[in-house]
Amino acid sequence: QTPDTVEENDRNEDAARLIPRRLFRGPLWAGAHTSRLDEAGRDEWWELNQRIGEEASRTVPVLAQYWSDGKRTIEEISRQIALETGLEATPLLVEYFQFV
């Protein structure tokens, strides 16, 4: 296996295992979140958001937050988003939820 394949397999395993839970009602306010990050963290957050916009859609994180109920895995959330939008964004969602 190549390093990319190993990383993808790890993300798929994470997607099937991780269950995100909202800590408050409503969508994440990025300004409050990013203000707590150091410069490297803000750069990483910005880069992830750029990739989400290029590889999927800016609506994906909003939909992901909507489907996060503390019961669904990232894999299940990704499936719901794919049904709504036609976009497959599981690897990006794993990164997104690990970041927030």
PDB file of N, CA and C in Angstrom:
ATOM      1  N   GLN A   1       0.825  -1.187   0.000  1.00  0.00           N
ATOM      2  CA  GLN A   1       0.000   0.000   0.000  1.00  0.00           C
ATOM      3  C   GLN A   1       0.867   1.247   0.000  1.00  0.00           C
ATOM      4  N   THR A   2       0.395   2.237  -0.697  1.00  0.00           N
ATOM      5  CA  THR A   2       1.099   3.518  -0.719  1.00  0.00           C
ATOM      6  C   THR A   2       0.707   4.319   0.527  1.00  0.00           C
ATOM      7  N   PRO A   3       1.519   5.307   0.902  1.00  0.00           N
ATOM      8  CA  PRO A   3       1.153   6.143   2.059  1.00  0.00           C
ATOM      9  C   PRO A   3      -0.220   6.799   1.904  1.00  0.00           C
ATOM     10  N   ASP A   4      -0.571   7.196   0.667  1.00  0.00           N
ATOM     11  CA  ASP A   4      -1.889   7.803   0.440  1.00  0.00           C
ATOM     12  C   ASP A   4      -3.011   6.806   0.700  1.00  0.00           C
ATOM     13  N   THR A   5      -2.808   5.552   0.289  1.00  0.00           N
ATOM     14  CA  THR A   5      -3.816   4.513   0.504  1.00  0.00           C
ATOM     15  C   THR A   5      -3.979   4.227   1.989  1.00  0.00           C
ATOM     16  N   VAL A   6      -2.868   4.159   2.707  1.00  0.00           N
ATOM     17  CA  VAL A   6      -2.919   3.922   4.150  1.00  0.00           C
ATOM     18  C   VAL A   6      -3.672   5.057   4.839  1.00  0.00           C
ATOM     19  N   GLU A   7      -3.364   6.295   4.450  1.00  0.00           N
ATOM     20  CA  GLU A   7      -4.042   7.460   5.042  1.00  0.00           C
ATOM     21  C   GLU A   7      -5.539   7.428   4.734  1.00  0.00           C
ATOM     22  N   GLU A   8      -5.902   7.070   3.511  1.00  0.00           N
ATOM     23  CA  GLU A   8      -7.315   6.997   3.133  1.00  0.00           C
ATOM     24  C   GLU A   8      -8.027   5.907   3.928  1.00  0.00           C
ATOM     25  N   ASN A   9      -7.383   4.750   4.099  1.00  0.00           N
ATOM     26  CA  ASN A   9      -7.976   3.671   4.889  1.00  0.00           C
ATOM     27  C   ASN A   9      -8.188   4.104   6.335  1.00  0.00           C
ATOM     28  N   ASP A  10      -7.206   4.823   6.894  1.00  0.00           N
ATOM     29  CA  ASP A  10      -7.339   5.329   8.263  1.00  0.00           C
ATOM     30  C   ASP A  10      -8.523   6.284   8.371  1.00  0.00           C
ATOM     31  N   ARG A  11      -8.675   7.146   7.386  1.00  0.00           N
ATOM     32  CA  ARG A  11      -9.800   8.099   7.406  1.00  0.00           C
ATOM     33  C   ARG A  11     -11.131   7.369   7.290  1.00  0.00           C
ATOM     34  N   ASN A  12     -11.185   6.322   6.460  1.00  0.00           N
ATOM     35  CA  ASN A  12     -12.421   5.549   6.335  1.00  0.00           C
ATOM     36  C   ASN A  12     -12.766   4.868   7.654  1.00  0.00           C
ATOM     37  N   GLU A  13     -11.747   4.337   8.337  1.00  0.00           N
ATOM     38  CA  GLU A  13     -11.973   3.723   9.646  1.00  0.00           C
ATOM     39  C   GLU A  13     -12.447   4.767  10.647  1.00  0.00           C
ATOM     40  N   ASP A  14     -11.834   5.948  10.621  1.00  0.00           N
ATOM     41  CA  ASP A  14     -12.260   7.030  11.510  1.00  0.00           C
ATOM     42  C   ASP A  14     -13.703   7.429  11.215  1.00  0.00           C
ATOM     43  N   ALA A  15     -14.060   7.502   9.944  1.00  0.00           N
ATOM     44  CA  ALA A  15     -15.416   7.901   9.554  1.00  0.00           C
ATOM     45  C   ALA A  15     -16.450   6.911  10.076  1.00  0.00           C
ATOM     46  N   ALA A  16     -16.107   5.641  10.094  1.00  0.00           N
ATOM     47  CA  ALA A  16     -17.033   4.615  10.566  1.00  0.00           C
ATOM     48  C   ALA A  16     -17.098   4.562  12.092  1.00  0.00           C
ATOM     49  N   ARG A  17     -16.098   5.118  12.763  1.00  0.00           N
ATOM     50  CA  ARG A  17     -15.986   5.009  14.217  1.00  0.00           C
ATOM     51  C   ARG A  17     -16.371   6.285  14.958  1.00  0.00           C
ATOM     52  N   LEU A  18     -16.016   7.448  14.430  1.00  0.00           N
ATOM     53  CA  LEU A  18     -16.190   8.705  15.151  1.00  0.00           C
ATOM     54  C   LEU A  18     -17.633   9.218  15.078  1.00  0.00           C
ATOM     55  N   ILE A  19     -18.135   9.670  16.219  1.00  0.00           N
ATOM     56  CA  ILE A  19     -19.489  10.212  16.315  1.00  0.00           C
ATOM     57  C   ILE A  19     -19.397  11.636  16.848  1.00  0.00           C
ATOM     58  N   PRO A  20     -19.507  12.627  15.960  1.00  0.00           N
ATOM     59  CA  PRO A  20     -19.433  14.018  16.425  1.00  0.00           C
ATOM     60  C   PRO A  20     -20.705  14.415  17.178  1.00  0.00           C
ATOM     61  N   ARG A  21     -20.524  15.310  18.129  1.00  0.00           N
ATOM     62  CA  ARG A  21     -21.639  15.792  18.941  1.00  0.00           C
ATOM     63  C   ARG A  21     -21.541  17.302  19.064  1.00  0.00           C
ATOM     64  N   ARG A  22     -22.655  17.972  18.815  1.00  0.00           N
ATOM     65  CA  ARG A  22     -22.689  19.427  18.965  1.00  0.00           C
ATOM     66  C   ARG A  22     -22.689  19.779  20.444  1.00  0.00           C
ATOM     67  N   LEU A  23     -21.938  20.811  20.792  1.00  0.00           N
ATOM     68  CA  LEU A  23     -21.884  21.252  22.176  1.00  0.00           C
ATOM     69  C   LEU A  23     -22.870  22.381  22.447  1.00  0.00           C
ATOM     70  N   PHE A  24     -23.407  22.985  21.390  1.00  0.00           N
ATOM     71  CA  PHE A  24     -24.399  24.046  21.539  1.00  0.00           C
ATOM     72  C   PHE A  24     -25.284  24.059  20.299  1.00  0.00           C
ATOM     73  N   ARG A  25     -26.441  24.671  20.416  1.00  0.00           N
ATOM     74  CA  ARG A  25     -27.364  24.747  19.282  1.00  0.00           C
ATOM     75  C   ARG A  25     -26.838  25.707  18.228  1.00  0.00           C
ATOM     76  N   GLY A  26     -27.197  25.429  17.014  1.00  0.00           N
ATOM     77  CA  GLY A  26     -26.815  26.324  15.928  1.00  0.00           C
ATOM     78  C   GLY A  26     -25.482  25.953  15.314  1.00  0.00           C
ATOM     79  N   PRO A  27     -25.153  26.606  14.213  1.00  0.00           N
ATOM     80  CA  PRO A  27     -23.899  26.304  13.520  1.00  0.00           C
ATOM     81  C   PRO A  27     -22.683  26.863  14.258  1.00  0.00           C
ATOM     82  N   LEU A  28     -21.548  26.300  13.958  1.00  0.00           N
ATOM     83  CA  LEU A  28     -20.282  26.756  14.515  1.00  0.00           C
ATOM     84  C   LEU A  28     -19.990  28.162  14.012  1.00  0.00           C
ATOM     85  N   TRP A  29     -19.634  29.051  14.914  1.00  0.00           N
ATOM     86  CA  TRP A  29     -19.222  30.390  14.520  1.00  0.00           C
ATOM     87  C   TRP A  29     -17.709  30.345  14.362  1.00  0.00           C
ATOM     88  N   ALA A  30     -17.243  30.367  13.137  1.00  0.00           N
ATOM     89  CA  ALA A  30     -15.819  30.191  12.841  1.00  0.00           C
ATOM     90  C   ALA A  30     -14.956  31.252  13.507  1.00  0.00           C
ATOM     91  N   GLY A  31     -15.449  32.474  13.624  1.00  0.00           N
ATOM     92  CA  GLY A  31     -14.665  33.542  14.248  1.00  0.00           C
ATOM     93  C   GLY A  31     -14.282  33.216  15.680  1.00  0.00           C
ATOM     94  N   ALA A  32     -15.225  32.688  16.442  1.00  0.00           N
ATOM     95  CA  ALA A  32     -14.937  32.315  17.829  1.00  0.00           C
ATOM     96  C   ALA A  32     -13.967  31.141  17.874  1.00  0.00           C
ATOM     97  N   HIS A  33     -14.137  30.223  16.944  1.00  0.00           N
ATOM     98  CA  HIS A  33     -13.277  29.036  16.912  1.00  0.00           C
ATOM     99  C   HIS A  33     -11.844  29.406  16.528  1.00  0.00           C
ATOM    100  N   THR A  34     -11.692  30.166  15.463  1.00  0.00           N
ATOM    101  CA  THR A  34     -10.347  30.472  14.973  1.00  0.00           C
ATOM    102  C   THR A  34      -9.607  31.446  15.873  1.00  0.00           C
ATOM    103  N   SER A  35     -10.322  32.250  16.638  1.00  0.00           N
ATOM    104  CA  SER A  35      -9.642  33.203  17.530  1.00  0.00           C
ATOM    105  C   SER A  35      -8.858  32.495  18.629  1.00  0.00           C
ATOM    106  N   ARG A  36      -9.213  31.246  18.913  1.00  0.00           N
ATOM    107  CA  ARG A  36      -8.505  30.476  19.943  1.00  0.00           C
ATOM    108  C   ARG A  36      -7.306  29.709  19.394  1.00  0.00           C
ATOM    109  N   LEU A  37      -7.102  29.753  18.086  1.00  0.00           N
ATOM    110  CA  LEU A  37      -6.012  29.005  17.463  1.00  0.00           C
ATOM    111  C   LEU A  37      -4.762  29.864  17.349  1.00  0.00           C
ATOM    112  N   ASP A  38      -3.610  29.189  17.352  1.00  0.00           N
ATOM    113  CA  ASP A  38      -2.376  29.919  17.067  1.00  0.00           C
ATOM    114  C   ASP A  38      -2.294  30.143  15.553  1.00  0.00           C
ATOM    115  N   GLU A  39      -1.256  30.821  15.117  1.00  0.00           N
ATOM    116  CA  GLU A  39      -1.147  31.162  13.695  1.00  0.00           C
ATOM    117  C   GLU A  39      -1.124  29.916  12.815  1.00  0.00           C
ATOM    118  N   ALA A  40      -0.391  28.885  13.232  1.00  0.00           N
ATOM    119  CA  ALA A  40      -0.326  27.651  12.446  1.00  0.00           C
ATOM    120  C   ALA A  40      -1.704  26.995  12.373  1.00  0.00           C
ATOM    121  N   GLY A  41      -2.437  27.009  13.472  1.00  0.00           N
ATOM    122  CA  GLY A  41      -3.780  26.441  13.494  1.00  0.00           C
ATOM    123  C   GLY A  41      -4.736  27.192  12.590  1.00  0.00           C
ATOM    124  N   ARG A  42      -4.640  28.526  12.591  1.00  0.00           N
ATOM    125  CA  ARG A  42      -5.489  29.335  11.704  1.00  0.00           C
ATOM    126  C   ARG A  42      -5.162  29.055  10.242  1.00  0.00           C
ATOM    127  N   ASP A  43      -3.873  28.900   9.938  1.00  0.00           N
ATOM    128  CA  ASP A  43      -3.477  28.573   8.561  1.00  0.00           C
ATOM    129  C   ASP A  43      -4.033  27.211   8.153  1.00  0.00           C
ATOM    130  N   GLU A  44      -3.965  26.250   9.068  1.00  0.00           N
ATOM    131  CA  GLU A  44      -4.481  24.908   8.795  1.00  0.00           C
ATOM    132  C   GLU A  44      -5.997  24.950   8.583  1.00  0.00           C
ATOM    133  N   TRP A  45      -6.702  25.719   9.417  1.00  0.00           N
ATOM    134  CA  TRP A  45      -8.158  25.879   9.288  1.00  0.00           C
ATOM    135  C   TRP A  45      -8.511  26.510   7.937  1.00  0.00           C
ATOM    136  N   TRP A  46      -7.784  27.559   7.555  1.00  0.00           N
ATOM    137  CA  TRP A  46      -8.028  28.245   6.291  1.00  0.00           C
ATOM    138  C   TRP A  46      -7.814  27.285   5.122  1.00  0.00           C
ATOM    139  N   GLU A  47      -6.723  26.522   5.169  1.00  0.00           N
ATOM    140  CA  GLU A  47      -6.402  25.593   4.085  1.00  0.00           C
ATOM    141  C   GLU A  47      -7.479  24.510   3.968  1.00  0.00           C
ATOM    142  N   LEU A  48      -7.950  23.987   5.102  1.00  0.00           N
ATOM    143  CA  LEU A  48      -9.012  22.980   5.076  1.00  0.00           C
ATOM    144  C   LEU A  48     -10.278  23.560   4.454  1.00  0.00           C
ATOM    145  N   ASN A  49     -10.641  24.766   4.831  1.00  0.00           N
ATOM    146  CA  ASN A  49     -11.837  25.394   4.264  1.00  0.00           C
ATOM    147  C   ASN A  49     -11.694  25.653   2.770  1.00  0.00           C
ATOM    148  N   GLN A  50     -10.506  25.994   2.320  1.00  0.00           N
ATOM    149  CA  GLN A  50     -10.275  26.167   0.881  1.00  0.00           C
ATOM    150  C   GLN A  50     -10.466  24.843   0.154  1.00  0.00           C
ATOM    151  N   ARG A  51      -9.935  23.762   0.716  1.00  0.00           N
ATOM    152  CA  ARG A  51     -10.083  22.442   0.098  1.00  0.00           C
ATOM    153  C   ARG A  51     -11.545  22.005   0.078  1.00  0.00           C
ATOM    154  N   ILE A  52     -12.272  22.284   1.155  1.00  0.00           N
ATOM    155  CA  ILE A  52     -13.694  21.938   1.178  1.00  0.00           C
ATOM    156  C   ILE A  52     -14.413  22.671   0.051  1.00  0.00           C
ATOM    157  N   GLY A  53     -14.119  23.954  -0.117  1.00  0.00           N
ATOM    158  CA  GLY A  53     -14.747  24.744  -1.179  1.00  0.00           C
ATOM    159  C   GLY A  53     -14.397  24.256  -2.569  1.00  0.00           C
ATOM    160  N   GLU A  54     -13.160  23.803  -2.754  1.00  0.00           N
ATOM    161  CA  GLU A  54     -12.707  23.345  -4.072  1.00  0.00           C
ATOM    162  C   GLU A  54     -13.160  21.921  -4.374  1.00  0.00           C
ATOM    163  N   GLU A  55     -13.087  21.037  -3.372  1.00  0.00           N
ATOM    164  CA  GLU A  55     -13.349  19.618  -3.602  1.00  0.00           C
ATOM    165  C   GLU A  55     -14.806  19.226  -3.363  1.00  0.00           C
ATOM    166  N   ALA A  56     -15.533  20.040  -2.655  1.00  0.00           N
ATOM    167  CA  ALA A  56     -16.925  19.698  -2.349  1.00  0.00           C
ATOM    168  C   ALA A  56     -17.790  20.946  -2.511  1.00  0.00           C
ATOM    169  N   SER A  57     -18.159  21.543  -1.427  1.00  0.00           N
ATOM    170  CA  SER A  57     -18.998  22.741  -1.445  1.00  0.00           C
ATOM    171  C   SER A  57     -18.952  23.377  -0.067  1.00  0.00           C
ATOM    172  N   ARG A  58     -19.088  24.662  -0.006  1.00  0.00           N
ATOM    173  CA  ARG A  58     -19.087  25.364   1.285  1.00  0.00           C
ATOM    174  C   ARG A  58     -20.292  24.985   2.144  1.00  0.00           C
ATOM    175  N   THR A  59     -21.312  24.396   1.533  1.00  0.00           N
ATOM    176  CA  THR A  59     -22.473  23.971   2.317  1.00  0.00           C
ATOM    177  C   THR A  59     -22.216  22.685   3.089  1.00  0.00           C
ATOM    178  N   VAL A  60     -21.174  21.946   2.730  1.00  0.00           N
ATOM    179  CA  VAL A  60     -20.905  20.660   3.368  1.00  0.00           C
ATOM    180  C   VAL A  60     -20.724  20.794   4.884  1.00  0.00           C
ATOM    181  N   PRO A  61     -19.905  21.725   5.401  1.00  0.00           N
ATOM    182  CA  PRO A  61     -19.783  21.828   6.862  1.00  0.00           C
ATOM    183  C   PRO A  61     -21.099  22.190   7.556  1.00  0.00           C
ATOM    184  N   VAL A  62     -21.899  23.037   6.935  1.00  0.00           N
ATOM    185  CA  VAL A  62     -23.186  23.412   7.534  1.00  0.00           C
ATOM    186  C   VAL A  62     -24.102  22.195   7.603  1.00  0.00           C
ATOM    187  N   LEU A  63     -24.168  21.443   6.514  1.00  0.00           N
ATOM    188  CA  LEU A  63     -24.977  20.228   6.511  1.00  0.00           C
ATOM    189  C   LEU A  63     -24.433  19.211   7.505  1.00  0.00           C
ATOM    190  N   ALA A  64     -23.117  19.114   7.604  1.00  0.00           N
ATOM    191  CA  ALA A  64     -22.506  18.176   8.550  1.00  0.00           C
ATOM    192  C   ALA A  64     -22.889  18.533   9.980  1.00  0.00           C
ATOM    193  N   GLN A  65     -22.890  19.813  10.292  1.00  0.00           N
ATOM    194  CA  GLN A  65     -23.298  20.229  11.636  1.00  0.00           C
ATOM    195  C   GLN A  65     -24.776  19.910  11.870  1.00  0.00           C
ATOM    196  N   TYR A  66     -25.590  20.105  10.855  1.00  0.00           N
ATOM    197  CA  TYR A  66     -27.018  19.804  10.970  1.00  0.00           C
ATOM    198  C   TYR A  66     -27.236  18.329  11.301  1.00  0.00           C
ATOM    199  N   TRP A  67     -26.512  17.438  10.618  1.00  0.00           N
ATOM    200  CA  TRP A  67     -26.704  16.003  10.807  1.00  0.00           C
ATOM    201  C   TRP A  67     -25.992  15.457  12.044  1.00  0.00           C
ATOM    202  N   SER A  68     -25.179  16.264  12.693  1.00  0.00           N
ATOM    203  CA  SER A  68     -24.462  15.823  13.901  1.00  0.00           C
ATOM    204  C   SER A  68     -25.419  15.834  15.082  1.00  0.00           C
ATOM    205  N   ASP A  69     -25.809  14.651  15.500  1.00  0.00           N
ATOM    206  CA  ASP A  69     -26.766  14.558  16.597  1.00  0.00           C
ATOM    207  C   ASP A  69     -26.226  13.753  17.779  1.00  0.00           C
ATOM    208  N   GLY A  70     -24.944  13.409  17.735  1.00  0.00           N
ATOM    209  CA  GLY A  70     -24.367  12.610  18.806  1.00  0.00           C
ATOM    210  C   GLY A  70     -24.668  11.133  18.674  1.00  0.00           C
ATOM    211  N   LYS A  71     -25.324  10.734  17.597  1.00  0.00           N
ATOM    212  CA  LYS A  71     -25.660   9.329  17.351  1.00  0.00           C
ATOM    213  C   LYS A  71     -25.077   8.824  16.034  1.00  0.00           C
ATOM    214  N   ARG A  72     -25.041   9.711  15.030  1.00  0.00           N
ATOM    215  CA  ARG A  72     -24.557   9.319  13.701  1.00  0.00           C
ATOM    216  C   ARG A  72     -23.033   9.386  13.639  1.00  0.00           C
ATOM    217  N   THR A  73     -22.446   8.419  12.948  1.00  0.00           N
ATOM    218  CA  THR A  73     -21.009   8.466  12.692  1.00  0.00           C
ATOM    219  C   THR A  73     -20.745   9.448  11.557  1.00  0.00           C
ATOM    220  N   ILE A  74     -19.489   9.799  11.376  1.00  0.00           N
ATOM    221  CA  ILE A  74     -19.133  10.675  10.256  1.00  0.00           C
ATOM    222  C   ILE A  74     -19.509  10.006   8.937  1.00  0.00           C
ATOM    223  N   GLU A  75     -19.357   8.710   8.876  1.00  0.00           N
ATOM    224  CA  GLU A  75     -19.729   7.972   7.667  1.00  0.00           C
ATOM    225  C   GLU A  75     -21.222   8.137   7.368  1.00  0.00           C
ATOM    226  N   GLU A  76     -22.062   8.031   8.397  1.00  0.00           N
ATOM    227  CA  GLU A  76     -23.502   8.200   8.205  1.00  0.00           C
ATOM    228  C   GLU A  76     -23.847   9.642   7.825  1.00  0.00           C
ATOM    229  N   ILE A  77     -23.171  10.593   8.458  1.00  0.00           N
ATOM    230  CA  ILE A  77     -23.383  12.005   8.132  1.00  0.00           C
ATOM    231  C   ILE A  77     -22.999  12.262   6.681  1.00  0.00           C
ATOM    232  N   SER A  78     -21.877  11.707   6.270  1.00  0.00           N
ATOM    233  CA  SER A  78     -21.420  11.875   4.888  1.00  0.00           C
ATOM    234  C   SER A  78     -22.424  11.287   3.900  1.00  0.00           C
ATOM    235  N   ARG A  79     -23.004  10.161   4.258  1.00  0.00           N
ATOM    236  CA  ARG A  79     -24.008   9.532   3.393  1.00  0.00           C
ATOM    237  C   ARG A  79     -25.235  10.444   3.243  1.00  0.00           C
ATOM    238  N   GLN A  80     -25.670  11.056   4.340  1.00  0.00           N
ATOM    239  CA  GLN A  80     -26.810  11.981   4.283  1.00  0.00           C
ATOM    240  C   GLN A  80     -26.500  13.174   3.372  1.00  0.00           C
ATOM    241  N   ILE A  81     -25.283  13.696   3.512  1.00  0.00           N
ATOM    242  CA  ILE A  81     -24.875  14.837   2.684  1.00  0.00           C
ATOM    243  C   ILE A  81     -24.812  14.435   1.213  1.00  0.00           C
ATOM    244  N   ALA A  82     -24.312  13.233   0.946  1.00  0.00           N
ATOM    245  CA  ALA A  82     -24.245  12.752  -0.439  1.00  0.00           C
ATOM    246  C   ALA A  82     -25.645  12.613  -1.032  1.00  0.00           C
ATOM    247  N   LEU A  83     -26.600  12.155  -0.230  1.00  0.00           N
ATOM    248  CA  LEU A  83     -27.977  12.044  -0.715  1.00  0.00           C
ATOM    249  C   LEU A  83     -28.570  13.417  -1.030  1.00  0.00           C
ATOM    250  N   GLU A  84     -28.228  14.416  -0.222  1.00  0.00           N
ATOM    251  CA  GLU A  84     -28.760  15.768  -0.432  1.00  0.00           C
ATOM    252  C   GLU A  84     -28.084  16.505  -1.578  1.00  0.00           C
ATOM    253  N   THR A  85     -26.771  16.324  -1.696  1.00  0.00           N
ATOM    254  CA  THR A  85     -25.998  17.163  -2.617  1.00  0.00           C
ATOM    255  C   THR A  85     -25.367  16.411  -3.778  1.00  0.00           C
ATOM    256  N   GLY A  86     -25.224  15.100  -3.648  1.00  0.00           N
ATOM    257  CA  GLY A  86     -24.509  14.330  -4.654  1.00  0.00           C
ATOM    258  C   GLY A  86     -22.999  14.380  -4.479  1.00  0.00           C
ATOM    259  N   LEU A  87     -22.540  15.001  -3.383  1.00  0.00           N
ATOM    260  CA  LEU A  87     -21.104  15.149  -3.136  1.00  0.00           C
ATOM    261  C   LEU A  87     -20.605  14.111  -2.147  1.00  0.00           C
ATOM    262  N   GLU A  88     -19.475  13.489  -2.458  1.00  0.00           N
ATOM    263  CA  GLU A  88     -18.817  12.556  -1.546  1.00  0.00           C
ATOM    264  C   GLU A  88     -17.695  13.313  -0.852  1.00  0.00           C
ATOM    265  N   ALA A  89     -17.838  13.539   0.431  1.00  0.00           N
ATOM    266  CA  ALA A  89     -16.866  14.367   1.151  1.00  0.00           C
ATOM    267  C   ALA A  89     -16.367  13.710   2.431  1.00  0.00           C
ATOM    268  N   THR A  90     -16.417  12.386   2.524  1.00  0.00           N
ATOM    269  CA  THR A  90     -16.052  11.709   3.767  1.00  0.00           C
ATOM    270  C   THR A  90     -14.658  12.071   4.261  1.00  0.00           C
ATOM    271  N   PRO A  91     -13.612  12.008   3.430  1.00  0.00           N
ATOM    272  CA  PRO A  91     -12.275  12.347   3.947  1.00  0.00           C
ATOM    273  C   PRO A  91     -12.192  13.780   4.477  1.00  0.00           C
ATOM    274  N   LEU A  92     -12.848  14.708   3.791  1.00  0.00           N
ATOM    275  CA  LEU A  92     -12.844  16.098   4.252  1.00  0.00           C
ATOM    276  C   LEU A  92     -13.604  16.240   5.565  1.00  0.00           C
ATOM    277  N   LEU A  93     -14.695  15.495   5.719  1.00  0.00           N
ATOM    278  CA  LEU A  93     -15.471  15.580   6.955  1.00  0.00           C
ATOM    279  C   LEU A  93     -14.702  15.014   8.143  1.00  0.00           C
ATOM    280  N   VAL A  94     -13.938  13.957   7.914  1.00  0.00           N
ATOM    281  CA  VAL A  94     -13.105  13.422   9.000  1.00  0.00           C
ATOM    282  C   VAL A  94     -12.148  14.503   9.469  1.00  0.00           C
ATOM    283  N   GLU A  95     -11.477  15.151   8.535  1.00  0.00           N
ATOM    284  CA  GLU A  95     -10.557  16.238   8.895  1.00  0.00           C
ATOM    285  C   GLU A  95     -11.293  17.370   9.598  1.00  0.00           C
ATOM    286  N   TYR A  96     -12.439  17.741   9.058  1.00  0.00           N
ATOM    287  CA  TYR A  96     -13.214  18.855   9.607  1.00  0.00           C
ATOM    288  C   TYR A  96     -13.594  18.576  11.064  1.00  0.00           C
ATOM    289  N   PHE A  97     -14.162  17.397  11.318  1.00  0.00           N
ATOM    290  CA  PHE A  97     -14.610  17.092  12.679  1.00  0.00           C
ATOM    291  C   PHE A  97     -13.443  16.882  13.635  1.00  0.00           C
ATOM    292  N   GLN A  98     -12.318  16.395  13.150  1.00  0.00           N
ATOM    293  CA  GLN A  98     -11.151  16.278  14.020  1.00  0.00           C
ATOM    294  C   GLN A  98     -10.605  17.658  14.365  1.00  0.00           C
ATOM    295  N   PHE A  99     -10.809  18.611  13.470  1.00  0.00           N
ATOM    296  CA  PHE A  99     -10.313  19.963  13.698  1.00  0.00           C
ATOM    297  C   PHE A  99     -11.183  20.718  14.682  1.00  0.00           C
ATOM    298  N   VAL A 100     -12.507  20.599  14.528  1.00  0.00           N
ATOM    299  CA  VAL A 100     -13.406  21.352  15.409  1.00  0.00           C
ATOM    300  C   VAL A 100     -13.675  20.557  16.656  1.00  0.00           C
TER     301      VAL A 100
END
